[in-house]
N, C-alpha and C. Protein backbone atom coordinates (compact mmCIF):
# COMPACT_ATOMS: atom_id res chain seq x y z
N MET A 1 0.85 -1.19 0.00
CA MET A 1 0.00 0.00 0.00
C MET A 1 0.89 1.24 0.00
N THR A 2 0.53 2.16 -0.84
CA THR A 2 1.34 3.36 -0.94
C THR A 2 0.79 4.48 -0.07
N ARG A 3 -0.43 4.35 0.38
CA ARG A 3 -1.03 5.44 1.16
C ARG A 3 -0.57 5.45 2.60
N GLY A 4 -0.15 4.36 3.11
CA GLY A 4 0.29 4.32 4.50
C GLY A 4 -0.88 4.59 5.44
N ASN A 5 -0.71 5.51 6.37
CA ASN A 5 -1.76 5.80 7.34
C ASN A 5 -2.59 7.02 6.93
N GLN A 6 -2.49 7.43 5.68
CA GLN A 6 -3.24 8.60 5.22
C GLN A 6 -4.74 8.37 5.36
N ARG A 7 -5.18 7.15 5.11
CA ARG A 7 -6.61 6.83 5.22
C ARG A 7 -7.10 7.09 6.64
N ASP A 8 -6.31 6.70 7.62
CA ASP A 8 -6.69 6.93 9.01
C ASP A 8 -6.76 8.42 9.33
N HIS A 9 -5.82 9.18 8.80
CA HIS A 9 -5.84 10.63 9.03
C HIS A 9 -7.07 11.26 8.37
N ASP A 10 -7.40 10.80 7.18
CA ASP A 10 -8.59 11.33 6.48
C ASP A 10 -9.86 11.02 7.26
N ARG A 11 -9.95 9.81 7.78
CA ARG A 11 -11.13 9.44 8.57
C ARG A 11 -11.22 10.29 9.83
N LYS A 12 -10.08 10.51 10.47
CA LYS A 12 -10.08 11.33 11.69
C LYS A 12 -10.53 12.75 11.37
N ARG A 13 -10.01 13.34 10.29
CA ARG A 13 -10.43 14.69 9.90
C ARG A 13 -11.91 14.75 9.57
N ALA A 14 -12.42 13.74 8.87
CA ALA A 14 -13.84 13.70 8.53
C ALA A 14 -14.69 13.61 9.79
N ARG A 15 -14.25 12.79 10.75
CA ARG A 15 -14.99 12.65 12.00
C ARG A 15 -15.01 13.96 12.77
N GLU A 16 -13.87 14.65 12.83
CA GLU A 16 -13.80 15.93 13.53
C GLU A 16 -14.68 16.97 12.85
N LYS A 17 -14.69 16.98 11.53
CA LYS A 17 -15.53 17.91 10.79
C LYS A 17 -17.01 17.64 11.06
N ALA A 18 -17.40 16.37 11.08
CA ALA A 18 -18.78 16.00 11.36
C ALA A 18 -19.17 16.39 12.79
N ASP A 19 -18.27 16.19 13.73
CA ASP A 19 -18.55 16.57 15.11
C ASP A 19 -18.75 18.08 15.23
N LYS A 20 -17.93 18.83 14.51
CA LYS A 20 -18.04 20.29 14.54
C LYS A 20 -19.40 20.73 13.99
N LEU A 21 -19.84 20.11 12.90
CA LEU A 21 -21.13 20.46 12.32
C LEU A 21 -22.28 20.10 13.26
N ASN A 22 -22.16 18.98 13.96
CA ASN A 22 -23.21 18.56 14.88
C ASN A 22 -23.34 19.51 16.06
N LYS A 23 -22.23 20.14 16.45
CA LYS A 23 -22.27 21.05 17.58
C LYS A 23 -22.95 22.37 17.23
N THR A 24 -23.03 22.71 15.94
CA THR A 24 -23.60 23.99 15.54
C THR A 24 -25.10 23.89 15.26
N LYS A 25 -25.69 22.73 15.49
CA LYS A 25 -27.12 22.60 15.25
C LYS A 25 -27.90 23.46 16.24
N THR A 26 -29.09 23.86 15.83
CA THR A 26 -29.89 24.72 16.69
C THR A 26 -30.41 23.96 17.89
N THR A 27 -30.65 24.69 18.94
CA THR A 27 -31.19 24.09 20.16
C THR A 27 -32.57 24.66 20.45
N MET A 28 -33.21 25.22 19.42
CA MET A 28 -34.54 25.80 19.62
C MET A 28 -35.58 24.70 19.73
N SER A 29 -36.61 24.98 20.51
CA SER A 29 -37.72 24.04 20.59
C SER A 29 -38.57 24.20 19.34
N GLY A 30 -39.55 23.36 19.20
CA GLY A 30 -40.40 23.39 18.01
C GLY A 30 -41.14 24.70 17.85
N SER A 31 -41.67 25.23 18.95
CA SER A 31 -42.44 26.48 18.87
C SER A 31 -41.51 27.67 18.60
N GLU A 32 -40.31 27.65 19.20
CA GLU A 32 -39.35 28.73 18.94
C GLU A 32 -38.92 28.71 17.48
N PHE A 33 -38.68 27.52 16.95
CA PHE A 33 -38.27 27.39 15.55
C PHE A 33 -39.38 27.88 14.62
N GLN A 34 -40.61 27.52 14.92
CA GLN A 34 -41.75 27.95 14.10
C GLN A 34 -41.90 29.47 14.14
N ARG A 35 -41.74 30.06 15.31
CA ARG A 35 -41.85 31.51 15.44
C ARG A 35 -40.74 32.21 14.65
N ALA A 36 -39.52 31.69 14.72
CA ALA A 36 -38.40 32.27 13.98
C ALA A 36 -38.63 32.14 12.47
N LYS A 37 -39.18 31.02 12.07
CA LYS A 37 -39.48 30.78 10.66
C LYS A 37 -40.55 31.75 10.16
N GLU A 38 -41.59 31.95 10.94
CA GLU A 38 -42.65 32.89 10.56
C GLU A 38 -42.12 34.32 10.52
N ASN A 39 -41.23 34.66 11.45
CA ASN A 39 -40.64 35.99 11.50
C ASN A 39 -39.81 36.24 10.24
N ALA A 40 -39.01 35.27 9.85
CA ALA A 40 -38.20 35.40 8.65
C ALA A 40 -39.08 35.51 7.41
N ALA A 41 -40.17 34.76 7.38
CA ALA A 41 -41.08 34.82 6.25
C ALA A 41 -41.75 36.19 6.15
N ALA A 42 -42.10 36.78 7.29
CA ALA A 42 -42.72 38.10 7.29
C ALA A 42 -41.74 39.15 6.76
N ILE A 43 -40.49 39.04 7.15
CA ILE A 43 -39.47 39.97 6.66
C ILE A 43 -39.32 39.83 5.15
N MET A 44 -39.28 38.61 4.66
CA MET A 44 -39.13 38.40 3.22
C MET A 44 -40.36 38.90 2.45
N ARG A 45 -41.55 38.72 3.01
CA ARG A 45 -42.77 39.24 2.34
C ARG A 45 -42.72 40.76 2.26
N GLU A 46 -42.24 41.41 3.31
CA GLU A 46 -42.13 42.86 3.31
C GLU A 46 -41.10 43.33 2.27
N LYS A 47 -39.98 42.65 2.18
CA LYS A 47 -38.97 42.98 1.17
C LYS A 47 -39.54 42.82 -0.23
N GLN A 48 -40.29 41.76 -0.45
CA GLN A 48 -40.88 41.51 -1.76
C GLN A 48 -41.92 42.57 -2.10
N ARG A 49 -42.70 42.99 -1.11
CA ARG A 49 -43.71 44.02 -1.34
C ARG A 49 -43.03 45.32 -1.75
N LYS A 50 -41.96 45.68 -1.06
CA LYS A 50 -41.23 46.91 -1.39
C LYS A 50 -40.62 46.82 -2.78
N ALA A 51 -40.08 45.67 -3.13
CA ALA A 51 -39.49 45.50 -4.46
C ALA A 51 -40.56 45.61 -5.54
N ASP A 52 -41.73 45.05 -5.29
CA ASP A 52 -42.83 45.15 -6.26
C ASP A 52 -43.28 46.59 -6.42
N GLU A 53 -43.36 47.33 -5.32
CA GLU A 53 -43.74 48.75 -5.39
C GLU A 53 -42.71 49.55 -6.18
N ARG A 54 -41.43 49.26 -5.95
CA ARG A 54 -40.37 49.96 -6.66
C ARG A 54 -40.43 49.66 -8.16
N LYS A 55 -40.66 48.41 -8.51
CA LYS A 55 -40.76 48.03 -9.92
C LYS A 55 -41.97 48.70 -10.57
N ALA A 56 -43.08 48.77 -9.85
CA ALA A 56 -44.27 49.42 -10.39
C ALA A 56 -44.01 50.90 -10.60
N ALA A 57 -43.30 51.54 -9.67
CA ALA A 57 -43.00 52.96 -9.79
C ALA A 57 -42.06 53.20 -10.97
N GLU A 58 -41.09 52.32 -11.16
CA GLU A 58 -40.18 52.46 -12.29
C GLU A 58 -40.92 52.27 -13.61
N ALA A 59 -41.85 51.32 -13.64
CA ALA A 59 -42.62 51.07 -14.86
C ALA A 59 -43.51 52.26 -15.17
N ALA A 60 -44.10 52.87 -14.15
CA ALA A 60 -44.95 54.04 -14.35
C ALA A 60 -44.13 55.22 -14.81
N GLY A 61 -42.92 55.36 -14.26
CA GLY A 61 -42.03 56.45 -14.64
C GLY A 61 -41.52 56.27 -16.06
N ALA A 62 -41.31 55.07 -16.50
CA ALA A 62 -40.80 54.80 -17.84
C ALA A 62 -41.87 55.08 -18.89
N GLY A 63 -43.12 54.94 -18.53
CA GLY A 63 -44.21 55.19 -19.47
C GLY A 63 -44.44 56.66 -19.73
N LYS A 64 -43.95 57.54 -18.88
CA LYS A 64 -44.15 58.99 -19.05
C LYS A 64 -43.18 59.61 -20.03
N LYS A 65 -42.10 58.93 -20.37
CA LYS A 65 -41.08 59.49 -21.26
C LYS A 65 -41.58 59.66 -22.65
């Protein structure tokens, strides 16, 4: 074998990377997660509404030329 112990080192690095990812998972309860999700959705709806208003204003302004 030409790889030697490289396979073991790769497995160790992969395991450490997986452990790091597992530690960053959220600890929110179901209701907290749902509330955060709804809050983010409300923000995105507001951004979309503003973008639609801006596009409508630009379209109205372009028609006056």
